[in-house]
C-alpha cells in the first residue's frame, strides 16, 4: 500500500513540475518579456487584469486575451505627446502637453479630455484620475508608467544618425531610433523650406507606404518627422512643396532613379493626403501632383474601378 501511495505521490509531483514547466516556458509573461512587473490592476470592466511592465518607452499591458503595446512619448522640443495603443493599430492620440508643479498635463487634439500625471521619479509618472477627464478610461487611477527622454543625434553636417554613425544603432527599437532622429528646434528655424523638404526625403522612416491608409501614414510622418511638422507650421510650406513638385514635373521623368521615384510618390502623398492642405489645393495643383506619382495614379484607378 505504501508503495502505491509513493507512486501516486510521485506522479502528482511529476505532473506539477511538467505543468509549471509549460507555464514557465510559454505563459509566464514576465519571463517572456524580461521586464519587471510594476503593478497589476483590474481592467475598467473588471473582467481581466492589466499587467504593467517596466519598459524603456512606456508600458505594456495584457487586457484579457488581447495583447496591446501602449506607449506614450513626450517630445520636449515640440511640446507634443503621442499615445500609441498598438504597434500595428491605427488608433493613436496626439496632442500638446505642459509641465506644471511636478506634473505632466496632456491635452489630446480631438478629444475633450486631458491626462494628468505626477512625476514620481526620473523615469516614472503616475496617472492621477481625479484631476483628469479620461472618459474613455485609457488609464487606471494610480497607474505607473515609465518614460524615457531621448536627445537628438541629428547633426547639421552629417544629417540623421544611422548604423555607421551611431554606436549600437542596430540594437535600438524603431521608436528609439525615431527619437534620435529628432531635429533640434533651433536647427529647424535656420533651415530653408527646400532644406526641410530634403530632410523629409532623407528621414529614415519616411516610407509611409507601409501603412494600408496613406492619410494615416501622413499623420504618422507629421508626428515623427520634425522637418515635415516644421513645413506644415510655415505659411510658405505648401507653396514651397508645390514649387518643388513643379520642378520635379519639369525634370526628365523617363530617366529617374528608384530613389527619385520614391521621393516623387512621397511628395505627392504628403500634400494630397495632408488634411491641412486638402481644401487649399487647386484642381491644377492636384493634377500636377498626380502627374509626378505613379502610385497616386494607380490608386485612383483602383478607386474608380471600385
Protein backbone atom coordinates (compact mmCIF):
# COMPACT_ATOMS: atom_id res chain seq x y z
CA UNK A 1 0.00 0.00 0.00
CA UNK A 2 2.84 2.42 0.87
CA UNK A 3 4.42 1.66 -2.47
CA UNK A 4 1.17 2.64 -4.23
CA UNK A 5 0.99 5.92 -2.27
CA UNK A 6 4.59 6.69 -3.23
CA UNK A 7 3.83 6.01 -6.90
CA UNK A 8 0.74 8.25 -6.79
CA UNK A 9 2.66 10.99 -4.96
CA UNK A 10 5.50 10.74 -7.48
CA UNK A 11 3.04 11.01 -10.38
CA UNK A 12 1.33 14.08 -8.82
CA UNK A 13 4.65 15.82 -8.20
CA UNK A 14 5.78 14.96 -11.73
CA UNK A 15 2.60 16.41 -13.24
CA UNK A 16 3.02 19.59 -11.19
CA UNK A 17 6.62 20.01 -12.36
CA UNK A 18 5.62 19.46 -16.01
CA UNK A 19 2.68 21.88 -15.70
CA UNK A 20 4.85 24.56 -14.12
CA UNK A 21 7.48 23.99 -16.82
CA UNK A 22 4.91 24.58 -19.56
CA UNK A 23 3.64 27.73 -17.79
CA UNK A 24 7.19 28.98 -17.28
CA UNK A 25 8.14 28.37 -20.91
CA UNK A 26 5.04 29.68 -22.65
CA UNK A 27 2.80 31.71 -20.35
CA UNK A 28 4.98 33.49 -17.80
CA UNK A 29 4.73 36.98 -19.29
CA UNK A 30 7.35 38.46 -17.01
CA UNK A 31 9.88 35.83 -18.06
CA UNK A 32 8.98 36.18 -21.76
CA UNK A 33 9.24 39.97 -21.78
CA UNK A 34 12.18 40.05 -19.41
CA UNK A 35 10.76 43.08 -17.65
CA UNK A 36 9.98 43.84 -14.03
CA UNK A 37 6.26 43.89 -13.24
CA UNK A 38 5.43 47.28 -11.77
CA UNK A 39 1.78 46.81 -10.96
CA UNK A 40 -1.25 44.59 -11.56
CA UNK A 41 -4.65 46.24 -11.58
CA UNK A 42 -8.14 45.19 -12.69
CA UNK A 43 -9.29 46.32 -16.12
CA UNK A 44 -12.03 49.00 -16.36
CA UNK A 45 -14.74 46.37 -16.85
CA UNK A 46 -13.34 44.13 -14.11
CA UNK A 47 -13.16 41.13 -16.44
CA UNK A 48 -9.38 40.86 -16.63
CA UNK A 49 -6.15 42.10 -15.14
CA UNK A 50 -3.84 44.72 -16.59
CA UNK A 51 -0.21 43.77 -16.01
CA UNK A 52 2.17 46.71 -16.29
CA UNK A 53 5.81 46.03 -17.10
CA UNK A 54 8.82 48.27 -16.67
CA UNK A 55 9.66 49.30 -20.24
CA UNK A 56 12.08 51.79 -21.76
CA UNK A 57 9.43 53.74 -23.67
CA UNK A 58 6.14 53.37 -21.89
CA UNK A 59 4.25 50.44 -20.51
CA UNK A 60 2.92 47.14 -21.71
CA UNK A 61 -0.32 45.64 -20.58
CA UNK A 62 -2.29 42.49 -21.22
CA UNK A 63 -6.04 43.03 -21.38
CA UNK A 64 -7.86 39.70 -21.37
CA UNK A 65 -6.74 37.58 -24.32
CA UNK A 66 -5.64 40.55 -26.38
CA UNK A 67 -2.09 41.87 -26.11
CA UNK A 68 -1.64 45.58 -26.68
CA UNK A 69 1.55 47.57 -26.58
CA UNK A 70 0.80 51.07 -25.37
CA UNK A 71 3.46 53.76 -25.39
CA UNK A 72 3.28 57.44 -24.58
CA UNK A 73 6.08 59.62 -25.89
CA UNK A 74 6.76 63.22 -24.97
CA UNK A 75 8.61 65.38 -27.46
CA UNK A 76 10.22 68.08 -25.33
CA UNK A 77 11.22 70.14 -28.38
CA UNK A 78 7.71 70.44 -29.82
CA UNK A 79 5.82 70.03 -26.52
CA UNK A 80 3.79 67.28 -28.18
CA UNK A 81 2.85 63.82 -26.98
CA UNK A 82 1.83 60.71 -28.90
CA UNK A 83 -0.09 57.83 -27.37
CA UNK A 84 0.08 54.59 -29.38
CA UNK A 85 -2.37 51.85 -28.47
CA UNK A 86 -0.61 49.21 -30.59
CA UNK A 87 2.32 48.88 -32.94
CA UNK A 88 0.02 47.70 -35.74
CA UNK A 89 -3.15 49.58 -34.83
CA UNK A 90 -4.18 52.87 -36.39
CA UNK A 91 -5.54 54.03 -33.02
CA UNK A 92 -3.40 56.94 -31.91
CA UNK A 93 -3.89 60.00 -29.76
CA UNK A 94 -1.70 63.06 -30.16
CA UNK A 95 -1.74 66.47 -28.58
CA UNK A 96 0.05 69.14 -26.62
CA UNK A 97 1.37 68.84 -23.10
CA UNK A 98 2.80 71.08 -20.44
CA UNK A 99 4.79 70.55 -17.26
CA UNK A 100 3.45 72.31 -14.14
CA UNK A 101 4.33 71.80 -10.47
CA UNK A 102 5.91 68.39 -10.96
CA UNK A 103 3.05 67.24 -13.18
CA UNK A 104 2.70 66.47 -16.87
CA UNK A 105 -0.67 67.56 -18.29
CA UNK A 106 -1.50 66.19 -21.75
CA UNK A 107 -4.29 67.62 -23.92
CA UNK A 108 -5.45 65.42 -26.86
CA UNK A 109 -6.07 67.32 -30.10
CA UNK A 110 -9.53 65.98 -30.82
CA UNK A 111 -10.91 64.70 -27.55
CA UNK A 112 -12.28 67.00 -24.85
CA UNK A 113 -10.10 65.22 -22.35
CA UNK A 114 -6.86 65.68 -20.51
CA UNK A 115 -4.44 63.25 -18.90
CA UNK A 116 -2.65 64.33 -15.72
CA UNK A 117 0.44 62.51 -14.47
CA UNK A 118 2.51 63.07 -11.34
CA UNK A 119 6.24 62.90 -11.99
CA UNK A 120 7.37 60.39 -9.37
CA UNK A 121 10.94 59.72 -10.47
CA UNK A 122 13.49 60.35 -13.16
CA UNK A 123 11.72 57.87 -15.45
CA UNK A 124 8.33 57.30 -13.79
CA UNK A 125 4.98 59.07 -13.99
CA UNK A 126 1.74 58.13 -12.23
CA UNK A 127 -1.73 58.75 -13.63
CA UNK A 128 -3.99 60.96 -11.48
CA UNK A 129 -7.61 60.11 -12.23
CA UNK A 130 -9.30 62.76 -10.07
CA UNK A 131 -7.52 65.58 -11.92
CA UNK A 132 -8.04 64.06 -15.38
CA UNK A 133 -11.01 63.85 -17.71
CA UNK A 134 -10.47 60.45 -19.29
CA UNK A 135 -13.92 59.40 -20.47
CA UNK A 136 -12.54 56.50 -22.50
CA UNK A 137 -10.82 55.00 -19.44
CA UNK A 138 -7.47 54.80 -21.17
CA UNK A 139 -5.63 54.70 -17.85
CA UNK A 140 -6.28 53.30 -14.40
CA UNK A 141 -6.07 55.58 -11.36
CA UNK A 142 -2.58 55.37 -9.89
CA UNK A 143 -1.23 53.52 -12.92
CA UNK A 144 2.55 53.90 -13.09
CA UNK A 145 4.17 54.41 -16.50
CA UNK A 146 7.84 54.56 -17.34
CA UNK A 147 9.15 57.03 -19.87
CA UNK A 148 12.46 57.87 -21.46
CA UNK A 149 13.72 61.15 -22.83
CA UNK A 150 15.97 60.89 -25.87
CA UNK A 151 18.39 63.58 -27.00
CA UNK A 152 18.62 64.13 -30.73
CA UNK A 153 21.63 62.73 -32.57
CA UNK A 154 20.83 64.76 -35.69
CA UNK A 155 23.75 66.81 -37.00
CA UNK A 156 23.60 69.69 -39.46
CA UNK A 157 26.72 68.37 -41.10
CA UNK A 158 26.05 64.61 -41.05
CA UNK A 159 22.26 64.59 -41.03
CA UNK A 160 20.35 61.74 -39.42
CA UNK A 161 22.14 59.08 -37.36
CA UNK A 162 22.46 55.57 -38.77
CA UNK A 163 24.26 52.28 -38.16
CA UNK A 164 27.55 53.76 -39.37
CA UNK A 165 27.46 56.97 -37.34
CA UNK A 166 25.72 55.86 -34.13
CA UNK A 167 27.12 53.07 -31.98
CA UNK A 168 24.52 50.48 -31.02
CA UNK A 169 22.02 51.68 -33.66
CA UNK A 170 21.02 48.15 -34.65
CA UNK A 171 20.12 47.29 -31.05
CA UNK A 172 17.64 50.15 -30.73
CA UNK A 173 13.90 49.84 -31.25
CA UNK A 174 12.20 51.80 -34.04
CA UNK A 175 10.77 54.27 -31.53
CA UNK A 176 14.21 54.87 -30.01
CA UNK A 177 15.69 55.48 -33.46
CA UNK A 178 12.92 57.94 -34.31
CA UNK A 179 13.60 59.93 -31.15
CA UNK A 180 17.31 60.10 -32.00
CA UNK A 181 16.34 61.47 -35.43
CA UNK A 182 14.59 64.49 -33.95
CA UNK A 183 15.87 67.81 -35.29
CA UNK A 184 16.50 70.45 -32.59
CA UNK A 185 14.12 73.40 -32.76
CA UNK A 186 16.93 75.93 -33.15
CA UNK A 187 18.21 73.98 -36.17
CA UNK A 188 14.76 73.78 -37.77
CA UNK A 189 14.36 77.55 -37.61
CA UNK A 190 17.55 78.05 -39.62
CA UNK A 191 16.56 75.64 -42.41
CA UNK A 192 15.01 76.84 -45.64
CA UNK A 193 11.80 75.27 -46.95
CA UNK A 194 13.77 73.38 -49.59
CA UNK A 195 16.18 72.04 -46.96
CA UNK A 196 13.22 70.86 -44.90
CA UNK A 197 11.78 69.02 -47.92
CA UNK A 198 15.13 67.33 -48.49
CA UNK A 199 15.21 66.41 -44.80
CA UNK A 200 11.78 64.78 -45.13
CA UNK A 201 13.10 62.68 -48.03
CA UNK A 202 16.21 61.72 -46.04
CA UNK A 203 14.25 60.79 -42.91
CA UNK A 204 15.00 57.08 -42.26
CA UNK A 205 11.33 56.33 -41.54
CA UNK A 206 9.74 58.32 -44.35
CA UNK A 207 8.25 55.23 -46.03
CA UNK A 208 4.60 55.84 -45.19
CA UNK A 209 3.54 53.34 -47.86
CA UNK A 210 3.90 50.52 -45.34
CA UNK A 211 0.51 51.63 -43.96
CA UNK A 212 -2.75 50.46 -45.50
CA UNK A 213 -4.16 54.00 -45.43
CA UNK A 214 -1.95 56.81 -46.68
CA UNK A 215 -3.77 59.50 -44.70
CA UNK A 216 -2.79 57.64 -41.53
CA UNK A 217 0.79 57.34 -42.78
CA UNK A 218 0.86 61.10 -43.33
CA UNK A 219 -0.24 61.65 -39.72
CA UNK A 220 2.50 59.32 -38.51
CA UNK A 221 5.05 61.24 -40.56
CA UNK A 222 3.80 64.51 -39.08
CA UNK A 223 4.36 63.10 -35.58
CA UNK A 224 7.76 61.57 -36.28
CA UNK A 225 9.44 63.88 -38.81
CA UNK A 226 10.24 67.27 -37.35
CA UNK A 227 11.13 68.57 -40.81
CA UNK A 228 7.63 67.79 -42.12
CA UNK A 229 5.99 69.23 -39.00
CA UNK A 230 8.02 72.43 -39.40
CA UNK A 231 6.93 72.73 -43.04
CA UNK A 232 3.29 72.39 -42.01
CA UNK A 233 3.72 75.18 -39.46
CA UNK A 234 5.08 77.64 -42.02
CA UNK A 235 2.84 79.85 -44.15
CA UNK A 236 5.20 79.24 -47.07
CA UNK A 237 5.19 75.45 -46.62
CA UNK A 238 2.53 74.50 -49.16
CA UNK A 239 3.78 76.99 -51.73
CA UNK A 240 7.31 75.57 -51.44
CA UNK A 241 6.09 71.99 -51.71
CA UNK A 242 4.10 72.80 -54.87
CA UNK A 243 7.12 74.62 -56.34
CA UNK A 244 9.26 71.55 -55.62
CA UNK A 245 6.64 69.36 -57.34
CA UNK A 246 6.64 71.67 -60.39
CA UNK A 247 10.43 71.36 -60.66
CA UNK A 248 10.11 67.58 -60.47
CA UNK A 249 7.41 67.56 -63.15
CA UNK A 250 9.65 69.62 -65.45
CA UNK A 251 12.60 67.26 -64.98
CA UNK A 252 13.33 64.23 -67.17
CA UNK A 253 10.82 61.74 -65.78
CA UNK A 254 11.93 58.94 -68.10
CA UNK A 255 15.39 58.57 -66.58
CA UNK A 256 14.69 58.97 -62.87
CA UNK A 257 16.19 56.59 -60.33
CA UNK A 258 14.21 54.38 -57.95
CA UNK A 259 15.06 56.80 -55.13
CA UNK A 260 13.76 59.79 -57.09
CA UNK A 261 10.59 57.87 -57.97
CA UNK A 262 10.02 57.16 -54.27
CA UNK A 263 10.55 60.84 -53.47
CA UNK A 264 8.02 61.88 -56.12
CA UNK A 265 5.45 59.45 -54.69
CA UNK A 266 6.13 60.66 -51.17
CA UNK A 267 5.94 64.32 -52.19
CA UNK A 268 2.57 63.85 -53.88
CA UNK A 269 1.07 61.89 -50.99
CA UNK A 270 2.23 64.17 -48.15
CA UNK A 271 0.50 67.05 -49.93
CA UNK A 272 -2.62 65.38 -51.33
CA UNK A 273 -3.36 63.38 -48.19
CA UNK A 274 -2.47 66.11 -45.70
CA UNK A 275 -5.72 67.22 -44.09
CA UNK A 276 -4.44 70.78 -43.59
CA UNK A 277 -3.84 71.18 -47.33
CA UNK A 278 -6.79 69.40 -48.93
CA UNK A 279 -9.12 72.42 -49.06
CA UNK A 280 -6.34 74.75 -50.18
CA UNK A 281 -5.24 72.81 -53.26
CA UNK A 282 -6.49 73.92 -56.66
CA UNK A 283 -7.61 71.46 -59.33
CA UNK A 284 -4.46 72.27 -61.32
CA UNK A 285 -2.21 71.57 -58.32
CA UNK A 286 -3.92 68.24 -57.67
CA UNK A 287 -3.41 67.24 -61.31
CA UNK A 288 0.24 68.31 -61.09
CA UNK A 289 0.81 66.07 -58.07
CA UNK A 290 -0.89 63.12 -59.73
CA UNK A 291 1.30 63.59 -62.80
CA UNK A 292 4.54 63.00 -60.86
CA UNK A 293 3.35 59.95 -58.92
CA UNK A 294 2.58 56.59 -60.47
CA UNK A 295 1.41 55.32 -57.10
CA UNK A 296 -1.24 58.04 -56.81
CA UNK A 297 -2.38 57.46 -60.38
CA UNK A 298 -2.71 53.69 -59.79
CA UNK A 299 -4.54 54.26 -56.50
CA UNK A 300 -7.07 56.49 -58.25
CA UNK A 301 -7.60 53.91 -60.99
CA UNK A 302 -8.34 51.31 -58.32
CA UNK A 303 -10.79 53.69 -56.63
CA UNK A 304 -12.58 54.34 -59.91
CA UNK A 305 -12.87 50.61 -60.58
CA UNK A 306 -14.28 50.11 -57.10
